[in-house]
Amino acid sequence: MKKHIWHNHRFAVVFVTTYLIIYTLLHQSGASLNVLGTMFLLSPFLVIWMAYTILRYAPYNGKDLAEGEEWGYADKGKDELGVF
């Protein structure tokens, strides 16, 4: 099964970042409030889509949780956290 472009985490990040840059440039250049308002209203959906795509489709290279662990921290050991 071929991976769809909308499921590519890198594409999502580049697309949403480009969208933000275009919105900022349009705002600074005095674009129509209708255009800016529409882009502003669409932006939360794009950010949610980007976050979902990253969490769902991006590879995870970290350590798996051990039996009985609820949270995993790759940079600190359990003894260094000071809350257990």
N, C-alpha and C. Protein backbone atom coordinates (compact mmCIF):
# COMPACT_ATOMS: atom_id res chain seq x y z
N MET A 1 0.84 -1.18 0.00
CA MET A 1 0.00 0.00 0.00
C MET A 1 0.89 1.25 0.00
N LYS A 2 0.62 2.14 -0.92
CA LYS A 2 1.42 3.34 -1.05
C LYS A 2 1.05 4.36 0.03
N LYS A 3 2.08 4.97 0.62
CA LYS A 3 1.86 5.98 1.66
C LYS A 3 1.39 7.28 1.00
N HIS A 4 0.30 7.81 1.47
CA HIS A 4 -0.26 9.04 0.92
C HIS A 4 0.54 10.25 1.40
N ILE A 5 0.60 11.29 0.57
CA ILE A 5 1.39 12.48 0.89
C ILE A 5 0.90 13.14 2.19
N TRP A 6 -0.39 13.05 2.49
CA TRP A 6 -0.93 13.68 3.69
C TRP A 6 -0.53 12.93 4.96
N HIS A 7 0.04 11.74 4.81
CA HIS A 7 0.52 10.96 5.95
C HIS A 7 2.02 11.10 6.17
N ASN A 8 2.66 11.95 5.40
CA ASN A 8 4.10 12.17 5.50
C ASN A 8 4.36 13.28 6.53
N HIS A 9 5.03 12.93 7.63
CA HIS A 9 5.24 13.90 8.71
C HIS A 9 6.11 15.07 8.27
N ARG A 10 7.08 14.83 7.41
CA ARG A 10 7.93 15.93 6.93
C ARG A 10 7.14 16.91 6.07
N PHE A 11 6.29 16.37 5.21
CA PHE A 11 5.44 17.23 4.38
C PHE A 11 4.54 18.08 5.26
N ALA A 12 3.96 17.50 6.30
CA ALA A 12 3.07 18.24 7.18
C ALA A 12 3.80 19.41 7.84
N VAL A 13 4.99 19.19 8.33
CA VAL A 13 5.76 20.26 8.99
C VAL A 13 6.11 21.36 8.00
N VAL A 14 6.59 20.99 6.82
CA VAL A 14 6.96 21.99 5.81
C VAL A 14 5.72 22.76 5.35
N PHE A 15 4.62 22.07 5.13
CA PHE A 15 3.39 22.71 4.67
C PHE A 15 2.87 23.72 5.68
N VAL A 16 2.76 23.32 6.94
CA VAL A 16 2.22 24.22 7.97
C VAL A 16 3.18 25.38 8.23
N THR A 17 4.47 25.14 8.20
CA THR A 17 5.44 26.22 8.37
C THR A 17 5.36 27.22 7.22
N THR A 18 5.26 26.73 6.01
CA THR A 18 5.12 27.61 4.85
C THR A 18 3.82 28.41 4.93
N TYR A 19 2.75 27.75 5.36
CA TYR A 19 1.47 28.43 5.55
C TYR A 19 1.61 29.58 6.55
N LEU A 20 2.30 29.34 7.64
CA LEU A 20 2.51 30.37 8.65
C LEU A 20 3.34 31.54 8.10
N ILE A 21 4.37 31.23 7.34
CA ILE A 21 5.21 32.28 6.76
C ILE A 21 4.39 33.11 5.76
N ILE A 22 3.59 32.44 4.93
CA ILE A 22 2.75 33.17 3.98
C ILE A 22 1.75 34.04 4.72
N TYR A 23 1.13 33.52 5.77
CA TYR A 23 0.18 34.31 6.56
C TYR A 23 0.87 35.55 7.13
N THR A 24 2.05 35.38 7.69
CA THR A 24 2.79 36.49 8.28
C THR A 24 3.15 37.54 7.23
N LEU A 25 3.62 37.09 6.08
CA LEU A 25 3.96 38.03 5.00
C LEU A 25 2.72 38.78 4.50
N LEU A 26 1.61 38.06 4.35
CA LEU A 26 0.37 38.72 3.92
C LEU A 26 -0.10 39.74 4.96
N HIS A 27 0.01 39.38 6.22
CA HIS A 27 -0.40 40.30 7.29
C HIS A 27 0.45 41.56 7.26
N GLN A 28 1.75 41.40 7.11
CA GLN A 28 2.65 42.55 7.10
C GLN A 28 2.48 43.41 5.85
N SER A 29 2.03 42.81 4.76
CA SER A 29 1.85 43.58 3.53
C SER A 29 0.48 44.22 3.43
N GLY A 30 -0.38 44.01 4.43
CA GLY A 30 -1.69 44.66 4.45
C GLY A 30 -2.73 43.97 3.60
N ALA A 31 -2.74 42.68 3.57
CA ALA A 31 -3.71 41.91 2.79
C ALA A 31 -5.12 42.10 3.34
N SER A 32 -6.08 41.69 2.57
CA SER A 32 -7.49 41.79 2.93
C SER A 32 -7.79 41.04 4.24
N LEU A 33 -8.65 41.63 5.04
CA LEU A 33 -9.03 40.97 6.29
C LEU A 33 -9.80 39.67 6.04
N ASN A 34 -10.49 39.57 4.92
CA ASN A 34 -11.19 38.32 4.58
C ASN A 34 -10.19 37.18 4.37
N VAL A 35 -9.13 37.47 3.65
CA VAL A 35 -8.10 36.45 3.41
C VAL A 35 -7.40 36.09 4.71
N LEU A 36 -7.00 37.10 5.47
CA LEU A 36 -6.30 36.84 6.74
C LEU A 36 -7.20 36.11 7.73
N GLY A 37 -8.46 36.52 7.79
CA GLY A 37 -9.40 35.86 8.71
C GLY A 37 -9.62 34.41 8.36
N THR A 38 -9.75 34.13 7.06
CA THR A 38 -9.94 32.75 6.62
C THR A 38 -8.71 31.90 6.94
N MET A 39 -7.55 32.46 6.65
CA MET A 39 -6.32 31.72 6.95
C MET A 39 -6.16 31.50 8.44
N PHE A 40 -6.50 32.52 9.23
CA PHE A 40 -6.40 32.39 10.69
C PHE A 40 -7.35 31.32 11.21
N LEU A 41 -8.58 31.26 10.67
CA LEU A 41 -9.54 30.26 11.12
C LEU A 41 -9.15 28.84 10.71
N LEU A 42 -8.43 28.71 9.61
CA LEU A 42 -7.98 27.38 9.17
C LEU A 42 -6.74 26.89 9.92
N SER A 43 -5.98 27.81 10.47
CA SER A 43 -4.70 27.44 11.07
C SER A 43 -4.79 26.42 12.22
N PRO A 44 -5.77 26.50 13.12
CA PRO A 44 -5.81 25.46 14.18
C PRO A 44 -6.00 24.05 13.62
N PHE A 45 -6.79 23.93 12.55
CA PHE A 45 -7.00 22.61 11.95
C PHE A 45 -5.71 22.09 11.32
N LEU A 46 -4.94 22.99 10.72
CA LEU A 46 -3.67 22.58 10.13
C LEU A 46 -2.67 22.15 11.21
N VAL A 47 -2.64 22.87 12.31
CA VAL A 47 -1.72 22.51 13.40
C VAL A 47 -2.13 21.17 14.03
N ILE A 48 -3.43 20.95 14.19
CA ILE A 48 -3.90 19.67 14.72
C ILE A 48 -3.56 18.54 13.76
N TRP A 49 -3.77 18.76 12.45
CA TRP A 49 -3.41 17.75 11.45
C TRP A 49 -1.91 17.46 11.49
N MET A 50 -1.09 18.51 11.61
CA MET A 50 0.35 18.32 11.67
C MET A 50 0.74 17.50 12.91
N ALA A 51 0.20 17.85 14.06
CA ALA A 51 0.52 17.12 15.28
C ALA A 51 0.09 15.66 15.18
N TYR A 52 -1.11 15.42 14.67
CA TYR A 52 -1.59 14.05 14.50
C TYR A 52 -0.69 13.26 13.56
N THR A 53 -0.32 13.88 12.44
CA THR A 53 0.52 13.22 11.45
C THR A 53 1.88 12.86 12.05
N ILE A 54 2.45 13.78 12.83
CA ILE A 54 3.75 13.50 13.46
C ILE A 54 3.62 12.36 14.46
N LEU A 55 2.60 12.43 15.31
CA LEU A 55 2.44 11.38 16.33
C LEU A 55 2.08 10.03 15.73
N ARG A 56 1.32 10.03 14.66
CA ARG A 56 0.84 8.78 14.08
C ARG A 56 1.84 8.15 13.11
N TYR A 57 2.50 8.95 12.30
CA TYR A 57 3.28 8.39 11.19
C TYR A 57 4.79 8.59 11.29
N ALA A 58 5.27 9.46 12.14
CA ALA A 58 6.72 9.66 12.25
C ALA A 58 7.34 8.48 13.00
N PRO A 59 8.51 8.07 12.60
CA PRO A 59 9.16 6.94 13.30
C PRO A 59 9.62 7.36 14.69
N TYR A 60 9.52 6.42 15.61
CA TYR A 60 9.97 6.65 16.99
C TYR A 60 11.26 5.86 17.19
N ASN A 61 12.34 6.57 17.53
CA ASN A 61 13.63 5.93 17.70
C ASN A 61 14.06 5.83 19.15
N GLY A 62 13.17 6.13 20.07
CA GLY A 62 13.51 6.11 21.49
C GLY A 62 13.42 4.71 22.08
N LYS A 63 13.73 4.64 23.36
CA LYS A 63 13.72 3.39 24.10
C LYS A 63 12.27 3.01 24.44
N ASP A 64 11.95 1.74 24.35
CA ASP A 64 10.63 1.26 24.74
C ASP A 64 10.52 1.24 26.26
N LEU A 65 9.31 1.41 26.76
CA LEU A 65 9.08 1.38 28.20
C LEU A 65 9.25 -0.05 28.73
N ALA A 66 9.82 -0.14 29.91
CA ALA A 66 9.98 -1.44 30.56
C ALA A 66 8.65 -1.83 31.21
N GLU A 67 8.56 -3.06 31.61
CA GLU A 67 7.36 -3.56 32.28
C GLU A 67 7.09 -2.75 33.55
N GLY A 68 5.89 -2.23 33.70
CA GLY A 68 5.52 -1.47 34.90
C GLY A 68 5.81 0.02 34.80
N GLU A 69 6.47 0.47 33.77
CA GLU A 69 6.76 1.89 33.61
C GLU A 69 5.56 2.58 32.93
N GLU A 70 5.21 3.75 33.45
CA GLU A 70 4.14 4.51 32.82
C GLU A 70 4.69 5.59 31.91
N TRP A 71 5.82 6.15 32.26
CA TRP A 71 6.44 7.20 31.47
C TRP A 71 7.91 6.87 31.26
N GLY A 72 8.43 7.26 30.15
CA GLY A 72 9.83 7.00 29.88
C GLY A 72 10.56 8.28 29.55
N TYR A 73 11.71 8.45 30.14
CA TYR A 73 12.56 9.60 29.86
C TYR A 73 13.89 9.08 29.36
N ALA A 74 14.24 9.44 28.12
CA ALA A 74 15.46 8.93 27.53
C ALA A 74 16.70 9.66 28.04
N ASP A 75 16.52 10.88 28.54
CA ASP A 75 17.69 11.67 28.93
C ASP A 75 18.00 11.60 30.42
N LYS A 76 17.09 11.10 31.26
CA LYS A 76 17.31 11.04 32.71
C LYS A 76 16.86 9.69 33.25
N GLY A 77 17.59 9.22 34.23
CA GLY A 77 17.19 8.00 34.91
C GLY A 77 16.13 8.28 35.96
N LYS A 78 15.47 7.25 36.43
CA LYS A 78 14.41 7.40 37.42
C LYS A 78 14.92 8.04 38.71
N ASP A 79 16.15 7.71 39.09
CA ASP A 79 16.72 8.27 40.33
C ASP A 79 17.01 9.76 40.23
N GLU A 80 17.27 10.26 39.04
CA GLU A 80 17.61 11.68 38.86
C GLU A 80 16.39 12.59 38.87
N LEU A 81 15.19 12.05 38.70
CA LEU A 81 13.99 12.88 38.62
C LEU A 81 13.57 13.42 39.98
N GLY A 82 13.79 12.67 41.05
CA GLY A 82 13.51 13.14 42.40
C GLY A 82 12.05 13.12 42.81
N VAL A 83 11.18 12.46 42.08
CA VAL A 83 9.78 12.42 42.47
C VAL A 83 9.29 11.02 42.78
N PHE A 84 10.14 10.02 42.69
CA PHE A 84 9.70 8.65 42.93
C PHE A 84 10.16 8.15 44.26
